[in-house]
Amino acid sequence: HGCATALCAFDGDPGVLRRRWELFAAGAPGGLAGLGEVVGVRRAG
C-alpha cells in the first residue's frame, strides 16, 4: 500500500505509472503483486 500510494501520488501519465507499478510489484519479494491493484479513476471535479 505504501509503495503503490507513493507512485499514485506522482503527477505523471497514468498508463506509464500503472505499468511501472506492475513491473515493480511483479519483481518485488513477498508477493506484492497479489496484495492489491493500481487502477485509474476519473476525478469528478
All heavy atoms as atom14 arrays in JSON, in Angstrom:
{
  "sequence": "HGCATALCAFDGDPGVLRRRWELFAAGAPGGLAGLGEVVGVRRAG",
  "atom14_mask": [
    [1, 1, 1, 1, 1, 1, 1, 1, 1, 1, 0, 0, 0, 0],
    [1, 1, 1, 1, 0, 0, 0, 0, 0, 0, 0, 0, 0, 0],
    [1, 1, 1, 1, 1, 1, 0, 0, 0, 0, 0, 0, 0, 0],
    [1, 1, 1, 1, 1, 0, 0, 0, 0, 0, 0, 0, 0, 0],
    [1, 1, 1, 1, 1, 1, 1, 0, 0, 0, 0, 0, 0, 0],
    [1, 1, 1, 1, 1, 0, 0, 0, 0, 0, 0, 0, 0, 0],
    [1, 1, 1, 1, 1, 1, 1, 1, 0, 0, 0, 0, 0, 0],
    [1, 1, 1, 1, 1, 1, 0, 0, 0, 0, 0, 0, 0, 0],
    [1, 1, 1, 1, 1, 0, 0, 0, 0, 0, 0, 0, 0, 0],
    [1, 1, 1, 1, 1, 1, 1, 1, 1, 1, 1, 0, 0, 0],
    [1, 1, 1, 1, 1, 1, 1, 1, 0, 0, 0, 0, 0, 0],
    [1, 1, 1, 1, 0, 0, 0, 0, 0, 0, 0, 0, 0, 0],
    [1, 1, 1, 1, 1, 1, 1, 1, 0, 0, 0, 0, 0, 0],
    [1, 1, 1, 1, 1, 1, 1, 0, 0, 0, 0, 0, 0, 0],
    [1, 1, 1, 1, 0, 0, 0, 0, 0, 0, 0, 0, 0, 0],
    [1, 1, 1, 1, 1, 1, 1, 0, 0, 0, 0, 0, 0, 0],
    [1, 1, 1, 1, 1, 1, 1, 1, 0, 0, 0, 0, 0, 0],
    [1, 1, 1, 1, 1, 1, 1, 1, 1, 1, 1, 0, 0, 0],
    [1, 1, 1, 1, 1, 1, 1, 1, 1, 1, 1, 0, 0, 0],
    [1, 1, 1, 1, 1, 1, 1, 1, 1, 1, 1, 0, 0, 0],
    [1, 1, 1, 1, 1, 1, 1, 1, 1, 1, 1, 1, 1, 1],
    [1, 1, 1, 1, 1, 1, 1, 1, 1, 0, 0, 0, 0, 0],
    [1, 1, 1, 1, 1, 1, 1, 1, 0, 0, 0, 0, 0, 0],
    [1, 1, 1, 1, 1, 1, 1, 1, 1, 1, 1, 0, 0, 0],
    [1, 1, 1, 1, 1, 0, 0, 0, 0, 0, 0, 0, 0, 0],
    [1, 1, 1, 1, 1, 0, 0, 0, 0, 0, 0, 0, 0, 0],
    [1, 1, 1, 1, 0, 0, 0, 0, 0, 0, 0, 0, 0, 0],
    [1, 1, 1, 1, 1, 0, 0, 0, 0, 0, 0, 0, 0, 0],
    [1, 1, 1, 1, 1, 1, 1, 0, 0, 0, 0, 0, 0, 0],
    [1, 1, 1, 1, 0, 0, 0, 0, 0, 0, 0, 0, 0, 0],
    [1, 1, 1, 1, 0, 0, 0, 0, 0, 0, 0, 0, 0, 0],
    [1, 1, 1, 1, 1, 1, 1, 1, 0, 0, 0, 0, 0, 0],
    [1, 1, 1, 1, 1, 0, 0, 0, 0, 0, 0, 0, 0, 0],
    [1, 1, 1, 1, 0, 0, 0, 0, 0, 0, 0, 0, 0, 0],
    [1, 1, 1, 1, 1, 1, 1, 1, 0, 0, 0, 0, 0, 0],
    [1, 1, 1, 1, 0, 0, 0, 0, 0, 0, 0, 0, 0, 0],
    [1, 1, 1, 1, 1, 1, 1, 1, 1, 0, 0, 0, 0, 0],
    [1, 1, 1, 1, 1, 1, 1, 0, 0, 0, 0, 0, 0, 0],
    [1, 1, 1, 1, 1, 1, 1, 0, 0, 0, 0, 0, 0, 0],
    [1, 1, 1, 1, 0, 0, 0, 0, 0, 0, 0, 0, 0, 0],
    [1, 1, 1, 1, 1, 1, 1, 0, 0, 0, 0, 0, 0, 0],
    [1, 1, 1, 1, 1, 1, 1, 1, 1, 1, 1, 0, 0, 0],
    [1, 1, 1, 1, 1, 1, 1, 1, 1, 1, 1, 0, 0, 0],
    [1, 1, 1, 1, 1, 0, 0, 0, 0, 0, 0, 0, 0, 0],
    [1, 1, 1, 1, 0, 0, 0, 0, 0, 0, 0, 0, 0, 0]
  ],
  "atom14_positions": [
    [[0.83, -1.21, 0.0], [0.0, 0.0, 0.0], [0.87, 1.26, 0.0], [0.62, 2.19, -0.76], [-0.94, -0.01, 1.2], [-1.82, 1.19, 1.26], [-1.55, 2.27, 2.07], [-2.97, 1.47, 0.62], [-2.5, 3.17, 1.91], [-3.37, 2.72, 1.04], [0.0, 0.0, 0.0], [0.0, 0.0, 0.0], [0.0, 0.0, 0.0], [0.0, 0.0, 0.0]],
    [[1.89, 1.29, 0.82], [2.77, 2.45, 0.89], [3.49, 2.71, -0.42], [3.55, 3.85, -0.9], [0.0, 0.0, 0.0], [0.0, 0.0, 0.0], [0.0, 0.0, 0.0], [0.0, 0.0, 0.0], [0.0, 0.0, 0.0], [0.0, 0.0, 0.0], [0.0, 0.0, 0.0], [0.0, 0.0, 0.0], [0.0, 0.0, 0.0], [0.0, 0.0, 0.0]],
    [[4.03, 1.67, -1.01], [4.75, 1.82, -2.29], [3.81, 2.27, -3.4], [4.12, 3.19, -4.17], [5.42, 0.51, -2.68], [6.77, 0.02, -1.59], [0.0, 0.0, 0.0], [0.0, 0.0, 0.0], [0.0, 0.0, 0.0], [0.0, 0.0, 0.0], [0.0, 0.0, 0.0], [0.0, 0.0, 0.0], [0.0, 0.0, 0.0], [0.0, 0.0, 0.0]],
    [[2.65, 1.64, -3.48], [1.7, 1.98, -4.54], [1.14, 3.39, -4.35], [0.99, 4.13, -5.32], [0.56, 0.97, -4.56], [0.0, 0.0, 0.0], [0.0, 0.0, 0.0], [0.0, 0.0, 0.0], [0.0, 0.0, 0.0], [0.0, 0.0, 0.0], [0.0, 0.0, 0.0], [0.0, 0.0, 0.0], [0.0, 0.0, 0.0], [0.0, 0.0, 0.0]],
    [[0.85, 3.77, -3.13], [0.31, 5.1, -2.86], [1.31, 6.18, -3.23], [0.94, 7.22, -3.79], [-0.13, 5.23, -1.4], [-1.13, 4.23, -1.14], [-0.71, 6.59, -1.1], [0.0, 0.0, 0.0], [0.0, 0.0, 0.0], [0.0, 0.0, 0.0], [0.0, 0.0, 0.0], [0.0, 0.0, 0.0], [0.0, 0.0, 0.0], [0.0, 0.0, 0.0]],
    [[2.59, 5.95, -2.95], [3.62, 6.9, -3.33], [3.66, 7.05, -4.85], [3.75, 8.17, -5.38], [4.98, 6.46, -2.8], [0.0, 0.0, 0.0], [0.0, 0.0, 0.0], [0.0, 0.0, 0.0], [0.0, 0.0, 0.0], [0.0, 0.0, 0.0], [0.0, 0.0, 0.0], [0.0, 0.0, 0.0], [0.0, 0.0, 0.0], [0.0, 0.0, 0.0]],
    [[3.58, 5.96, -5.57], [3.58, 6.01, -7.02], [2.33, 6.72, -7.53], [2.41, 7.55, -8.44], [3.66, 4.59, -7.61], [3.69, 4.56, -9.12], [5.12, 4.76, -9.62], [3.14, 3.25, -9.63], [0.0, 0.0, 0.0], [0.0, 0.0, 0.0], [0.0, 0.0, 0.0], [0.0, 0.0, 0.0], [0.0, 0.0, 0.0], [0.0, 0.0, 0.0]],
    [[1.19, 6.42, -6.95], [-0.08, 7.02, -7.39], [-0.11, 8.53, -7.15], [-0.82, 9.25, -7.85], [-1.25, 6.36, -6.67], [-1.55, 4.63, -7.14], [0.0, 0.0, 0.0], [0.0, 0.0, 0.0], [0.0, 0.0, 0.0], [0.0, 0.0, 0.0], [0.0, 0.0, 0.0], [0.0, 0.0, 0.0], [0.0, 0.0, 0.0], [0.0, 0.0, 0.0]],
    [[0.65, 9.01, -6.19], [0.67, 10.45, -5.88], [1.46, 11.24, -6.92], [1.3, 12.46, -7.02], [1.27, 10.67, -4.49], [0.0, 0.0, 0.0], [0.0, 0.0, 0.0], [0.0, 0.0, 0.0], [0.0, 0.0, 0.0], [0.0, 0.0, 0.0], [0.0, 0.0, 0.0], [0.0, 0.0, 0.0], [0.0, 0.0, 0.0], [0.0, 0.0, 0.0]],
    [[2.28, 10.56, -7.69], [3.1, 11.24, -8.7], [2.21, 11.74, -9.82], [1.32, 11.04, -10.29], [4.17, 10.28, -9.23], [5.15, 10.93, -10.15], [6.13, 11.77, -9.65], [5.1, 10.71, -11.51], [7.04, 12.38, -10.49], [6.01, 11.31, -12.37], [6.98, 12.14, -11.86], [0.0, 0.0, 0.0], [0.0, 0.0, 0.0], [0.0, 0.0, 0.0]],
    [[2.45, 12.95, -10.27], [1.64, 13.54, -11.34], [2.28, 13.23, -12.69], [3.02, 14.03, -13.24], [1.52, 15.05, -11.13], [0.54, 15.7, -12.09], [-0.35, 14.98, -12.6], [0.66, 16.9, -12.35], [0.0, 0.0, 0.0], [0.0, 0.0, 0.0], [0.0, 0.0, 0.0], [0.0, 0.0, 0.0], [0.0, 0.0, 0.0], [0.0, 0.0, 0.0]],
    [[2.01, 12.04, -13.18], [2.56, 11.62, -14.46], [1.49, 10.91, -15.28], [0.33, 10.85, -14.88], [0.0, 0.0, 0.0], [0.0, 0.0, 0.0], [0.0, 0.0, 0.0], [0.0, 0.0, 0.0], [0.0, 0.0, 0.0], [0.0, 0.0, 0.0], [0.0, 0.0, 0.0], [0.0, 0.0, 0.0], [0.0, 0.0, 0.0], [0.0, 0.0, 0.0]],
    [[1.89, 10.37, -16.39], [0.98, 9.64, -17.27], [0.46, 8.4, -16.53], [1.25, 7.52, -16.18], [1.72, 9.23, -18.54], [0.86, 8.47, -19.51], [0.19, 7.49, -19.11], [0.86, 8.84, -20.69], [0.0, 0.0, 0.0], [0.0, 0.0, 0.0], [0.0, 0.0, 0.0], [0.0, 0.0, 0.0], [0.0, 0.0, 0.0], [0.0, 0.0, 0.0]],
    [[-0.85, 8.3, -16.29], [-1.4, 7.17, -15.54], [-1.08, 5.81, -16.15], [-0.81, 4.85, -15.43], [-2.91, 7.43, -15.52], [-3.03, 8.9, -15.69], [-1.9, 9.29, -16.6], [0.0, 0.0, 0.0], [0.0, 0.0, 0.0], [0.0, 0.0, 0.0], [0.0, 0.0, 0.0], [0.0, 0.0, 0.0], [0.0, 0.0, 0.0], [0.0, 0.0, 0.0]],
    [[-1.07, 5.71, -17.47], [-0.76, 4.44, -18.13], [0.66, 4.0, -17.86], [0.93, 2.84, -17.56], [0.0, 0.0, 0.0], [0.0, 0.0, 0.0], [0.0, 0.0, 0.0], [0.0, 0.0, 0.0], [0.0, 0.0, 0.0], [0.0, 0.0, 0.0], [0.0, 0.0, 0.0], [0.0, 0.0, 0.0], [0.0, 0.0, 0.0], [0.0, 0.0, 0.0]],
    [[1.59, 4.93, -17.96], [3.01, 4.64, -17.7], [3.19, 4.26, -16.23], [3.87, 3.28, -15.92], [3.9, 5.85, -18.07], [5.33, 5.65, -17.58], [3.87, 6.09, -19.57], [0.0, 0.0, 0.0], [0.0, 0.0, 0.0], [0.0, 0.0, 0.0], [0.0, 0.0, 0.0], [0.0, 0.0, 0.0], [0.0, 0.0, 0.0], [0.0, 0.0, 0.0]],
    [[2.57, 5.02, -15.35], [2.71, 4.73, -13.91], [2.12, 3.37, -13.54], [2.68, 2.64, -12.73], [2.07, 5.84, -13.08], [2.73, 7.21, -13.2], [1.91, 8.26, -12.47], [4.16, 7.16, -12.67], [0.0, 0.0, 0.0], [0.0, 0.0, 0.0], [0.0, 0.0, 0.0], [0.0, 0.0, 0.0], [0.0, 0.0, 0.0], [0.0, 0.0, 0.0]],
    [[0.99, 3.04, -14.14], [0.36, 1.73, -13.87], [1.29, 0.6, -14.31], [1.47, -0.38, -13.59], [-0.98, 1.63, -14.57], [-1.76, 0.39, -14.19], [-3.12, 0.3, -14.89], [-3.97, 1.42, -14.56], [-4.38, 2.35, -15.45], [-4.02, 2.28, -16.71], [-5.17, 3.33, -15.08], [0.0, 0.0, 0.0], [0.0, 0.0, 0.0], [0.0, 0.0, 0.0]],
    [[1.9, 0.74, -15.48], [2.84, -0.29, -15.96], [4.07, -0.37, -15.06], [4.58, -1.45, -14.79], [3.22, -0.03, -17.41], [2.1, -0.35, -18.4], [2.54, -0.28, -19.84], [2.97, 1.03, -20.28], [2.16, 2.02, -20.64], [0.85, 1.85, -20.6], [2.64, 3.19, -21.04], [0.0, 0.0, 0.0], [0.0, 0.0, 0.0], [0.0, 0.0, 0.0]],
    [[4.53, 0.77, -14.58], [5.69, 0.78, -13.67], [5.35, 0.04, -12.39], [6.16, -0.7, -11.84], [6.12, 2.2, -13.37], [6.64, 2.91, -14.59], [8.06, 3.37, -14.4], [8.6, 3.85, -15.66], [8.94, 5.1, -15.9], [8.82, 6.0, -14.95], [9.43, 5.44, -17.06], [0.0, 0.0, 0.0], [0.0, 0.0, 0.0], [0.0, 0.0, 0.0]],
    [[4.14, 0.25, -11.87], [3.73, -0.47, -10.66], [3.71, -1.97, -10.94], [4.19, -2.76, -10.13], [2.35, -0.02, -10.17], [1.81, -0.99, -9.16], [0.83, -1.9, -9.35], [2.29, -1.19, -7.83], [0.65, -2.65, -8.21], [1.55, -2.23, -7.26], [3.29, -0.6, -7.07], [1.75, -2.69, -5.96], [3.49, -1.06, -5.76], [2.73, -2.08, -5.24]],
    [[3.14, -2.37, -12.04], [3.05, -3.79, -12.37], [4.43, -4.42, -12.46], [4.65, -5.53, -11.96], [2.26, -3.99, -13.66], [0.78, -3.66, -13.49], [0.03, -3.53, -14.8], [0.65, -3.63, -15.88], [-1.2, -3.29, -14.74], [0.0, 0.0, 0.0], [0.0, 0.0, 0.0], [0.0, 0.0, 0.0], [0.0, 0.0, 0.0], [0.0, 0.0, 0.0]],
    [[5.38, -3.73, -13.08], [6.76, -4.23, -13.18], [7.41, -4.32, -11.8], [8.05, -5.31, -11.46], [7.6, -3.34, -14.09], [7.33, -3.47, -15.58], [8.07, -2.37, -16.35], [7.76, -4.83, -16.08], [0.0, 0.0, 0.0], [0.0, 0.0, 0.0], [0.0, 0.0, 0.0], [0.0, 0.0, 0.0], [0.0, 0.0, 0.0], [0.0, 0.0, 0.0]],
    [[7.25, -3.25, -11.02], [7.83, -3.24, -9.68], [7.24, -4.36, -8.82], [7.98, -5.13, -8.2], [7.57, -1.88, -9.01], [7.88, -1.88, -7.55], [9.19, -1.81, -7.1], [6.86, -1.95, -6.61], [9.49, -1.83, -5.74], [7.15, -1.96, -5.26], [8.47, -1.9, -4.82], [0.0, 0.0, 0.0], [0.0, 0.0, 0.0], [0.0, 0.0, 0.0]],
    [[5.92, -4.45, -8.78], [5.26, -5.43, -7.92], [5.58, -6.86, -8.35], [5.76, -7.74, -7.5], [3.75, -5.2, -7.94], [0.0, 0.0, 0.0], [0.0, 0.0, 0.0], [0.0, 0.0, 0.0], [0.0, 0.0, 0.0], [0.0, 0.0, 0.0], [0.0, 0.0, 0.0], [0.0, 0.0, 0.0], [0.0, 0.0, 0.0], [0.0, 0.0, 0.0]],
    [[5.68, -7.1, -9.65], [5.98, -8.45, -10.14], [7.37, -8.89, -9.71], [7.59, -10.08, -9.44], [5.85, -8.5, -11.65], [0.0, 0.0, 0.0], [0.0, 0.0, 0.0], [0.0, 0.0, 0.0], [0.0, 0.0, 0.0], [0.0, 0.0, 0.0], [0.0, 0.0, 0.0], [0.0, 0.0, 0.0], [0.0, 0.0, 0.0], [0.0, 0.0, 0.0]],
    [[8.31, -7.97, -9.63], [9.68, -8.32, -9.27], [10.0, -8.17, -7.8], [11.08, -8.58, -7.36], [0.0, 0.0, 0.0], [0.0, 0.0, 0.0], [0.0, 0.0, 0.0], [0.0, 0.0, 0.0], [0.0, 0.0, 0.0], [0.0, 0.0, 0.0], [0.0, 0.0, 0.0], [0.0, 0.0, 0.0], [0.0, 0.0, 0.0], [0.0, 0.0, 0.0]],
    [[9.1, -7.6, -7.03], [9.35, -7.37, -5.61], [9.2, -8.66, -4.81], [8.35, -9.5, -5.13], [8.39, -6.32, -5.08], [0.0, 0.0, 0.0], [0.0, 0.0, 0.0], [0.0, 0.0, 0.0], [0.0, 0.0, 0.0], [0.0, 0.0, 0.0], [0.0, 0.0, 0.0], [0.0, 0.0, 0.0], [0.0, 0.0, 0.0], [0.0, 0.0, 0.0]],
    [[9.99, -8.83, -3.77], [9.83, -10.01, -2.92], [8.55, -9.92, -2.11], [7.99, -8.84, -1.94], [11.07, -9.96, -2.02], [11.45, -8.53, -1.99], [11.07, -7.96, -3.32], [0.0, 0.0, 0.0], [0.0, 0.0, 0.0], [0.0, 0.0, 0.0], [0.0, 0.0, 0.0], [0.0, 0.0, 0.0], [0.0, 0.0, 0.0], [0.0, 0.0, 0.0]],
    [[8.08, -11.03, -1.62], [6.92, -11.04, -0.74], [5.58, -11.08, -1.42], [4.55, -10.95, -0.77], [0.0, 0.0, 0.0], [0.0, 0.0, 0.0], [0.0, 0.0, 0.0], [0.0, 0.0, 0.0], [0.0, 0.0, 0.0], [0.0, 0.0, 0.0], [0.0, 0.0, 0.0], [0.0, 0.0, 0.0], [0.0, 0.0, 0.0], [0.0, 0.0, 0.0]],
    [[5.56, -11.26, -2.73], [4.28, -11.39, -3.42], [3.45, -10.11, -3.46], [2.22, -10.17, -3.4], [0.0, 0.0, 0.0], [0.0, 0.0, 0.0], [0.0, 0.0, 0.0], [0.0, 0.0, 0.0], [0.0, 0.0, 0.0], [0.0, 0.0, 0.0], [0.0, 0.0, 0.0], [0.0, 0.0, 0.0], [0.0, 0.0, 0.0], [0.0, 0.0, 0.0]],
    [[4.09, -8.96, -3.56], [3.36, -7.69, -3.55], [2.32, -7.59, -4.65], [1.28, -6.96, -4.46], [4.32, -6.5, -3.65], [5.3, -6.28, -2.5], [6.03, -4.96, -2.68], [4.62, -6.35, -1.16], [0.0, 0.0, 0.0], [0.0, 0.0, 0.0], [0.0, 0.0, 0.0], [0.0, 0.0, 0.0], [0.0, 0.0, 0.0], [0.0, 0.0, 0.0]],
    [[2.57, -8.19, -5.79], [1.65, -8.08, -6.93], [0.25, -8.59, -6.6], [-0.74, -8.09, -7.12], [2.21, -8.81, -8.14], [0.0, 0.0, 0.0], [0.0, 0.0, 0.0], [0.0, 0.0, 0.0], [0.0, 0.0, 0.0], [0.0, 0.0, 0.0], [0.0, 0.0, 0.0], [0.0, 0.0, 0.0], [0.0, 0.0, 0.0], [0.0, 0.0, 0.0]],
    [[0.14, -9.56, -5.74], [-1.15, -10.14, -5.42], [-1.89, -9.49, -4.27], [-2.99, -9.88, -3.93], [0.0, 0.0, 0.0], [0.0, 0.0, 0.0], [0.0, 0.0, 0.0], [0.0, 0.0, 0.0], [0.0, 0.0, 0.0], [0.0, 0.0, 0.0], [0.0, 0.0, 0.0], [0.0, 0.0, 0.0], [0.0, 0.0, 0.0], [0.0, 0.0, 0.0]],
    [[-1.29, -8.46, -3.67], [-1.87, -7.86, -2.47], [-2.79, -6.68, -2.73], [-3.45, -6.17, -1.83], [-0.75, -7.44, -1.51], [0.17, -8.58, -1.07], [1.28, -8.05, -0.19], [-0.62, -9.67, -0.37], [0.0, 0.0, 0.0], [0.0, 0.0, 0.0], [0.0, 0.0, 0.0], [0.0, 0.0, 0.0], [0.0, 0.0, 0.0], [0.0, 0.0, 0.0]],
    [[-2.86, -6.25, -3.98], [-3.72, -5.13, -4.34], [-3.52, -4.78, -5.8], [-2.74, -5.42, -6.5], [0.0, 0.0, 0.0], [0.0, 0.0, 0.0], [0.0, 0.0, 0.0], [0.0, 0.0, 0.0], [0.0, 0.0, 0.0], [0.0, 0.0, 0.0], [0.0, 0.0, 0.0], [0.0, 0.0, 0.0], [0.0, 0.0, 0.0], [0.0, 0.0, 0.0]],
    [[-4.22, -3.75, -6.24], [-4.08, -3.33, -7.64], [-4.13, -1.82, -7.75], [-4.81, -1.15, -6.98], [-5.16, -3.96, -8.51], [-6.57, -3.51, -8.17], [-7.62, -4.11, -9.08], [-7.44, -4.15, -10.31], [-8.65, -4.54, -8.53], [0.0, 0.0, 0.0], [0.0, 0.0, 0.0], [0.0, 0.0, 0.0], [0.0, 0.0, 0.0], [0.0, 0.0, 0.0]],
    [[-3.39, -1.31, -8.72], [-3.41, 0.11, -9.05], [-4.41, 0.27, -10.19], [-4.3, -0.4, -11.21], [-2.0, 0.61, -9.45], [-2.06, 2.0, -10.06], [-1.07, 0.58, -8.25], [0.0, 0.0, 0.0], [0.0, 0.0, 0.0], [0.0, 0.0, 0.0], [0.0, 0.0, 0.0], [0.0, 0.0, 0.0], [0.0, 0.0, 0.0], [0.0, 0.0, 0.0]],
    [[-5.39, 1.14, -10.0], [-6.42, 1.36, -11.01], [-6.61, 2.86, -11.23], [-6.3, 3.67, -10.36], [-7.77, 0.71, -10.62], [-7.64, -0.79, -10.52], [-8.3, 1.29, -9.34], [0.0, 0.0, 0.0], [0.0, 0.0, 0.0], [0.0, 0.0, 0.0], [0.0, 0.0, 0.0], [0.0, 0.0, 0.0], [0.0, 0.0, 0.0], [0.0, 0.0, 0.0]],
    [[-7.14, 3.21, -12.39], [-7.41, 4.6, -12.71], [-8.85, 4.96, -12.39], [-9.75, 4.15, -12.59], [0.0, 0.0, 0.0], [0.0, 0.0, 0.0], [0.0, 0.0, 0.0], [0.0, 0.0, 0.0], [0.0, 0.0, 0.0], [0.0, 0.0, 0.0], [0.0, 0.0, 0.0], [0.0, 0.0, 0.0], [0.0, 0.0, 0.0], [0.0, 0.0, 0.0]],
    [[-9.05, 6.16, -11.87], [-10.38, 6.72, -11.64], [-10.41, 8.13, -12.22], [-9.39, 8.81, -12.25], [-10.8, 6.74, -10.16], [-10.94, 5.35, -9.59], [-9.84, 7.56, -9.33], [0.0, 0.0, 0.0], [0.0, 0.0, 0.0], [0.0, 0.0, 0.0], [0.0, 0.0, 0.0], [0.0, 0.0, 0.0], [0.0, 0.0, 0.0], [0.0, 0.0, 0.0]],
    [[-11.56, 8.55, -12.69], [-11.75, 9.91, -13.2], [-12.23, 10.79, -12.05], [-13.21, 10.46, -11.38], [-12.79, 9.94, -14.31], [-12.37, 9.2, -15.53], [-11.72, 10.14, -16.51], [-11.12, 9.35, -17.58], [-10.04, 9.71, -18.21], [-9.44, 10.85, -17.91], [-9.54, 8.96, -19.15], [0.0, 0.0, 0.0], [0.0, 0.0, 0.0], [0.0, 0.0, 0.0]],
    [[-11.56, 11.89, -11.86], [-11.96, 12.84, -10.82], [-13.28, 13.48, -11.2], [-13.46, 13.93, -12.33], [-10.91, 13.93, -10.65], [-9.6, 13.42, -10.17], [-8.63, 14.57, -10.06], [-7.29, 14.05, -9.83], [-6.25, 14.81, -9.61], [-6.37, 16.13, -9.61], [-5.08, 14.29, -9.39], [0.0, 0.0, 0.0], [0.0, 0.0, 0.0], [0.0, 0.0, 0.0]],
    [[-14.19, 13.53, -10.27], [-15.49, 14.13, -10.53], [-15.35, 15.62, -10.84], [-16.07, 16.15, -11.69], [-16.41, 13.93, -9.33], [0.0, 0.0, 0.0], [0.0, 0.0, 0.0], [0.0, 0.0, 0.0], [0.0, 0.0, 0.0], [0.0, 0.0, 0.0], [0.0, 0.0, 0.0], [0.0, 0.0, 0.0], [0.0, 0.0, 0.0], [0.0, 0.0, 0.0]],
    [[-14.43, 16.3, -10.2], [-14.29, 17.74, -10.37], [-13.77, 18.17, -11.73], [-14.34, 19.05, -12.37], [0.0, 0.0, 0.0], [0.0, 0.0, 0.0], [0.0, 0.0, 0.0], [0.0, 0.0, 0.0], [0.0, 0.0, 0.0], [0.0, 0.0, 0.0], [0.0, 0.0, 0.0], [0.0, 0.0, 0.0], [0.0, 0.0, 0.0], [0.0, 0.0, 0.0]]
  ]
}
